[in-house]
Amino acid sequence: MSHRPQLHALATRLMGCRWKGEEIVQEAYLRMTADTAARDIKRPFQFLWSIVYRLSIDAMRRETRDPLSLRRSFAVPECRDELHEREEKALADMVTPERDVVAREHMARMSVVLQQLPAQTRRAFELVQIQGYSQKEVARMLNVSAPYVNKIVKNASRILDECLIDFD
């Protein structure tokens, strides 16, 4: 129990709410004491630290996966504003049929514009922006200099931005 403040600080930092952090720490202690093999642990603080960390990550994943059904047991006064903000953000980020149609239209427009770009520019843009290669790697692949890759990727980005602005 002497490490409780450190464990609570970890859970609070990860969860963003001290009440949620307290719930995580309590759950960690319950899990450790329920395990009969836990009595033979040589470094209980490190063991508890890993339990708290994993429980926090699991809780964050649950909230991320289903943000509208955040556990109301955590909705104490200090967390209500945060809970409300997360729910509003989740609602704002939800895909609606209208947003889906607009996104599909943007993708179709971008595909047409990409096809109109010179082959080397299109390839460099796809490798950097879509596939995640560095500009140096793309420069080696295309046998050009890295500054040139930077220039043509910026140019392609500018052209796509202009097309999407015109589209809106």
Protein backbone atom coordinates (compact mmCIF):
# COMPACT_ATOMS: atom_id res chain seq x y z
CA MET A 1 0.00 0.00 0.00
CA SER A 2 3.00 2.30 0.34
CA HIS A 3 3.17 2.65 -3.46
CA ARG A 4 -0.49 3.53 -3.86
CA PRO A 5 0.13 7.26 -4.61
CA GLN A 6 2.56 6.38 -7.41
CA LEU A 7 0.17 3.83 -8.89
CA HIS A 8 -2.71 6.28 -8.59
CA ALA A 9 -0.64 8.97 -10.34
CA LEU A 10 0.10 6.58 -13.21
CA ALA A 11 -3.54 5.57 -13.65
CA THR A 12 -4.74 9.17 -13.35
CA ARG A 13 -2.25 10.34 -15.96
CA LEU A 14 -3.24 7.58 -18.36
CA MET A 15 -6.99 7.87 -17.80
CA GLY A 16 -7.15 11.66 -17.54
CA CYS A 17 -9.36 11.54 -14.45
CA ARG A 18 -8.43 10.89 -10.83
CA TRP A 19 -11.63 8.96 -10.13
CA LYS A 20 -10.99 6.62 -13.02
CA GLY A 21 -7.43 6.29 -11.81
CA GLU A 22 -8.67 5.26 -8.38
CA GLU A 23 -10.94 2.63 -9.91
CA ILE A 24 -8.01 1.21 -11.87
CA VAL A 25 -5.75 1.05 -8.80
CA GLN A 26 -8.43 -0.68 -6.74
CA GLU A 27 -8.96 -3.21 -9.51
CA ALA A 28 -5.21 -3.84 -9.70
CA TYR A 29 -4.99 -4.51 -5.95
CA LEU A 30 -8.00 -6.83 -6.14
CA ARG A 31 -6.47 -8.78 -8.99
CA MET A 32 -3.15 -9.12 -7.22
CA THR A 33 -4.67 -10.26 -3.92
CA ALA A 34 -7.05 -12.66 -5.65
CA ASP A 35 -4.14 -14.44 -7.30
CA THR A 36 -2.70 -16.97 -4.88
CA ALA A 37 0.55 -17.06 -6.85
CA ALA A 38 0.95 -13.32 -6.20
CA ARG A 39 2.24 -14.03 -2.71
CA ASP A 40 5.49 -15.27 -4.26
CA ILE A 41 6.15 -12.11 -6.27
CA LYS A 42 9.62 -10.73 -5.65
CA ARG A 43 8.90 -7.18 -6.86
CA PRO A 44 5.26 -6.40 -6.06
CA PHE A 45 5.50 -2.71 -7.00
CA GLN A 46 6.65 -3.50 -10.54
CA PHE A 47 4.00 -6.19 -10.79
CA LEU A 48 1.27 -3.76 -9.66
CA TRP A 49 2.65 -1.08 -11.98
CA SER A 50 2.23 -3.40 -14.96
CA ILE A 51 -1.30 -4.38 -13.87
CA VAL A 52 -2.31 -0.72 -13.48
CA TYR A 53 -0.79 0.14 -16.84
CA ARG A 54 -2.54 -2.72 -18.63
CA LEU A 55 -5.89 -2.06 -16.96
CA SER A 56 -5.64 1.61 -17.95
CA ILE A 57 -4.85 0.71 -21.55
CA ASP A 58 -7.76 -1.75 -21.62
CA ALA A 59 -10.12 0.89 -20.19
CA MET A 60 -8.98 3.47 -22.76
CA ARG A 61 -9.49 0.96 -25.57
CA ARG A 62 -13.02 0.25 -24.35
CA GLU A 63 -13.79 3.96 -24.29
CA THR A 64 -12.27 4.47 -27.73
CA ARG A 65 -14.12 1.52 -29.21
CA ASP A 66 -17.50 2.59 -27.86
CA PRO A 67 -17.27 6.22 -26.74
CA LEU A 68 -21.02 6.71 -26.36
CA SER A 69 -21.32 4.04 -23.71
CA LEU A 70 -18.64 5.33 -21.37
CA ARG A 71 -19.07 3.73 -18.03
CA ARG A 72 -21.40 5.93 -16.01
CA SER A 73 -19.86 4.65 -12.80
CA PHE A 74 -17.01 7.03 -13.54
CA ALA A 75 -19.31 9.99 -14.08
CA VAL A 76 -18.56 11.75 -10.81
CA PRO A 77 -18.64 15.57 -10.74
CA GLU A 78 -14.95 15.95 -11.52
CA CYS A 79 -15.25 13.76 -14.62
CA ARG A 80 -18.63 14.88 -15.96
CA ASP A 81 -17.24 17.73 -18.08
CA GLU A 82 -14.63 15.44 -19.57
CA LEU A 83 -17.26 12.77 -20.18
CA HIS A 84 -19.56 15.28 -21.86
CA GLU A 85 -16.71 16.57 -24.07
CA ARG A 86 -15.77 13.03 -25.13
CA GLU A 87 -19.37 12.18 -25.97
CA GLU A 88 -19.77 15.36 -28.03
CA LYS A 89 -16.51 14.67 -29.85
CA ALA A 90 -17.62 11.10 -30.52
CA LEU A 91 -20.90 12.33 -31.93
CA ALA A 92 -19.10 14.88 -34.08
CA ASP A 93 -16.72 12.19 -35.37
CA MET A 94 -19.44 9.68 -36.15
CA VAL A 95 -19.85 8.73 -39.77
CA THR A 96 -23.25 9.72 -41.06
CA PRO A 97 -24.64 8.81 -44.47
CA GLU A 98 -24.12 12.39 -45.61
CA ARG A 99 -20.50 12.45 -44.45
CA ASP A 100 -19.93 9.08 -46.10
CA VAL A 101 -21.24 10.37 -49.44
CA VAL A 102 -19.08 13.50 -49.22
CA ALA A 103 -16.01 11.43 -48.33
CA ARG A 104 -16.64 9.11 -51.28
CA GLU A 105 -17.04 12.08 -53.61
CA HIS A 106 -13.78 13.57 -52.32
CA MET A 107 -11.99 10.26 -52.84
CA ALA A 108 -13.35 9.93 -56.38
CA ARG A 109 -12.31 13.51 -57.16
CA MET A 110 -8.84 12.93 -55.68
CA SER A 111 -8.45 9.75 -57.73
CA VAL A 112 -9.26 11.63 -60.94
CA VAL A 113 -6.83 14.42 -60.07
CA LEU A 114 -4.09 11.93 -59.15
CA GLN A 115 -4.51 10.20 -62.51
CA GLN A 116 -3.97 13.54 -64.26
CA LEU A 117 -0.63 14.16 -62.52
CA PRO A 118 2.61 13.20 -64.27
CA ALA A 119 3.51 9.57 -63.53
CA GLN A 120 6.60 10.40 -61.45
CA THR A 121 4.75 13.02 -59.39
CA ARG A 122 1.83 10.67 -58.79
CA ARG A 123 4.17 7.82 -57.79
CA ALA A 124 6.17 10.03 -55.42
CA PHE A 125 2.98 11.40 -53.83
CA GLU A 126 1.52 7.91 -53.36
CA LEU A 127 4.74 6.54 -51.87
CA VAL A 128 5.18 9.41 -49.41
CA GLN A 129 1.62 10.32 -48.46
CA ILE A 130 -0.22 7.02 -48.80
CA GLN A 131 2.37 4.31 -48.25
CA GLY A 132 4.42 6.24 -45.70
CA TYR A 133 7.88 6.07 -47.24
CA SER A 134 10.35 8.82 -46.37
CA GLN A 135 11.32 11.28 -49.06
CA LYS A 136 14.87 9.90 -49.05
CA GLU A 137 13.59 6.38 -49.68
CA VAL A 138 11.39 7.61 -52.53
CA ALA A 139 14.30 9.56 -53.98
CA ARG A 140 16.34 6.35 -54.08
CA MET A 141 13.46 4.41 -55.65
CA LEU A 142 12.87 7.01 -58.36
CA ASN A 143 16.56 7.86 -58.89
CA VAL A 144 16.07 11.54 -58.13
CA SER A 145 17.19 13.87 -55.35
CA ALA A 146 15.32 14.16 -52.04
CA PRO A 147 14.70 17.93 -52.52
CA TYR A 148 13.11 17.14 -55.89
CA VAL A 149 10.82 14.57 -54.23
CA ASN A 150 9.91 17.21 -51.64
CA LYS A 151 9.08 19.68 -54.43
CA ILE A 152 6.87 17.32 -56.46
CA VAL A 153 5.04 15.98 -53.39
CA LYS A 154 4.29 19.55 -52.26
CA ASN A 155 3.14 20.39 -55.76
CA ALA A 156 0.83 17.35 -55.86
CA SER A 157 -0.54 18.25 -52.42
CA ARG A 158 -1.21 21.83 -53.54
CA ILE A 159 -3.01 20.62 -56.67
CA LEU A 160 -5.16 18.21 -54.64
CA ASP A 161 -5.97 20.92 -52.10
CA GLU A 162 -7.04 23.30 -54.86
CA CYS A 163 -9.27 20.66 -56.44
CA LEU A 164 -10.95 19.87 -53.15
CA ILE A 165 -11.50 23.56 -52.42
CA ASP A 166 -13.06 23.98 -55.87
CA PHE A 167 -15.11 20.85 -55.23
CA ASP A 168 -16.56 22.22 -51.97
